[in-house]
Protein backbone atom coordinates (compact mmCIF):
# COMPACT_ATOMS: atom_id res chain seq x y z
CA MET A 1 69.26 110.34 -95.16
CA TYR A 2 72.61 108.24 -94.49
CA TYR A 3 74.18 106.16 -97.54
CA SER A 4 73.37 102.78 -96.47
CA GLY A 5 76.23 100.47 -97.74
CA ILE A 6 78.47 100.53 -101.39
CA GLY A 7 76.94 101.70 -104.42
CA GLY A 8 74.57 104.36 -103.25
CA LYS A 9 71.98 102.85 -101.44
CA LEU A 10 70.36 105.53 -99.26
CA ALA A 11 68.83 104.70 -95.33
CA ILE A 12 66.40 107.02 -94.04
CA PHE A 13 65.24 106.63 -90.15
CA ALA A 14 62.39 107.46 -88.35
CA ASN A 15 62.34 107.03 -84.13
CA GLN A 16 58.91 105.99 -82.67
CA SER A 17 56.56 108.66 -81.71
CA LYS A 18 52.71 109.37 -81.45
CA GLU A 19 52.31 108.93 -85.32
CA ASN A 20 55.07 105.98 -85.46
CA LYS A 21 54.24 102.87 -83.30
CA ALA A 22 57.99 101.79 -83.96
CA ASP A 23 61.51 102.73 -85.17
CA ILE A 24 62.04 102.16 -88.75
CA SER A 25 64.47 102.58 -90.91
CA ILE A 26 63.71 102.18 -95.23
CA ASP A 27 66.95 101.10 -97.54
CA PHE A 28 66.26 102.23 -100.91
CA TRP A 29 68.37 102.70 -104.20
CA PRO A 30 67.41 105.95 -105.66
CA TYR A 31 65.95 105.55 -109.50
CA ASP A 32 69.13 106.07 -111.83
CA ALA A 33 68.06 107.24 -115.06
CA GLY A 34 71.42 105.93 -116.73
CA ASN A 35 70.47 102.23 -114.96
CA ALA A 36 66.91 102.77 -116.05
CA ASP A 37 65.92 98.64 -116.27
CA SER A 38 67.68 97.84 -113.15
CA PRO A 39 65.10 96.37 -110.80
CA PHE A 40 66.89 97.74 -107.59
CA PRO A 41 64.58 101.18 -106.72
CA ASP A 42 61.59 99.11 -107.13
CA GLN A 43 62.26 96.99 -104.07
CA ILE A 44 62.39 98.83 -100.92
CA ASP A 45 63.55 97.29 -97.66
CA VAL A 46 62.15 98.02 -94.18
CA HIS A 47 63.50 97.24 -90.78
CA SER A 48 61.15 97.56 -87.88
CA VAL A 49 61.40 96.83 -84.44
CA LEU A 50 58.59 94.61 -82.76
CA GLU A 51 58.98 93.97 -79.41
CA LYS A 52 62.11 95.68 -77.12
CA GLU A 53 65.14 93.83 -78.38
CA PHE A 54 62.90 91.85 -81.26
CA GLY A 55 62.79 93.49 -84.92
CA PHE A 56 61.70 92.20 -88.40
CA GLY A 57 61.95 93.34 -91.96
CA TYR A 58 60.27 92.94 -95.02
CA VAL A 59 60.49 94.50 -98.70
CA VAL A 60 57.98 96.74 -100.03
CA TYR A 61 57.71 96.52 -103.75
CA THR A 62 56.65 99.64 -106.13
CA SER A 63 53.27 98.77 -108.38
CA LYS A 64 55.63 97.79 -111.06
CA PHE A 65 55.38 94.16 -109.14
CA LEU A 66 52.66 94.41 -107.83
CA HIS A 67 49.50 92.03 -109.23
CA GLY A 68 45.95 91.71 -108.82
CA LYS A 69 44.14 93.06 -105.50
CA ASN A 70 47.72 94.50 -104.37
CA LYS A 71 48.29 96.75 -107.32
CA PRO A 72 47.15 100.75 -106.77
CA LEU A 73 44.77 101.79 -109.53
CA PRO A 74 46.22 104.21 -111.64
CA ASN A 75 44.72 107.21 -110.20
CA GLN A 76 45.58 105.92 -106.61
CA TRP A 77 48.64 107.69 -104.72
CA TYR A 78 50.81 105.13 -103.97
CA PHE A 79 53.97 105.83 -101.67
CA ALA A 80 56.53 103.44 -102.87
CA ASP A 81 56.01 104.75 -106.52
CA ALA A 82 55.91 108.15 -105.06
CA LEU A 83 59.77 107.46 -103.83
CA ILE A 84 60.61 106.47 -107.36
CA ASP A 85 59.08 109.60 -108.82
CA ILE A 86 60.28 111.64 -106.73
CA TYR A 87 64.48 110.74 -107.82
CA LYS A 88 63.18 110.81 -111.24
CA HIS A 89 62.92 114.41 -110.79
CA ASN A 90 66.16 115.04 -109.10
CA GLU A 91 64.26 115.47 -105.83
CA SER A 92 64.67 114.37 -102.57
CA LEU A 93 62.69 112.22 -99.83
CA LEU A 94 63.62 114.96 -97.23
CA ASP A 95 61.57 117.18 -98.94
CA HIS A 96 58.58 115.16 -99.28
CA PRO A 97 57.44 114.31 -95.52
CA GLU A 98 54.16 112.40 -97.47
CA ILE A 99 56.00 109.65 -98.68
CA LEU A 100 57.80 109.01 -95.66
CA GLN A 101 54.72 109.11 -94.01
CA GLY A 102 52.95 106.34 -96.24
CA PHE A 103 55.77 103.82 -95.36
CA ILE A 104 54.88 104.76 -91.22
CA GLU A 105 51.26 104.10 -91.93
CA ASN A 106 51.97 100.79 -94.21
CA ASN A 107 54.49 99.15 -91.29
CA ASN A 108 52.04 100.42 -88.80
CA ARG A 109 49.44 98.41 -90.45
CA ILE A 110 51.90 95.51 -90.43
CA LEU A 111 52.75 95.72 -86.59
CA ASP A 112 48.82 95.62 -86.13
CA TYR A 113 48.54 92.69 -88.08
CA ILE A 114 51.65 90.76 -86.05
CA HIS A 115 50.09 91.96 -82.90
CA GLN A 116 46.93 90.87 -83.49
CA HIS A 117 48.10 87.10 -84.74
CA SER A 118 50.88 85.97 -82.57
CA LYS A 119 51.21 85.67 -78.73
CA VAL A 120 54.21 86.67 -76.62
CA VAL A 121 55.71 83.31 -75.02
CA ASN A 122 57.86 83.99 -72.14
């Protein structure tokens, strides 16, 4: 776990492995009870390697900002919500590998989609 930038933003990294199709970094603002209305903890920045020197980034939102078919059911576990919840309980992401695994699995699905719908041009 690393501090990323100014103001308490955190980052965690996962290298490519058998379960992880690409290097990935996850940057997020931990939930702060003193600033409970802040939208920043509900937006998690993910950066990933696509191919060698090419990368891409995207934002994962908690269910607070998801609608329709993208919103998890109330009883469904969602890794982005779980990230907020652990910090509400003064825990650390380092103690919850299942949350990091949720981000990795999501990133793998995005990588698969990109590879299926794109073509490398020399």
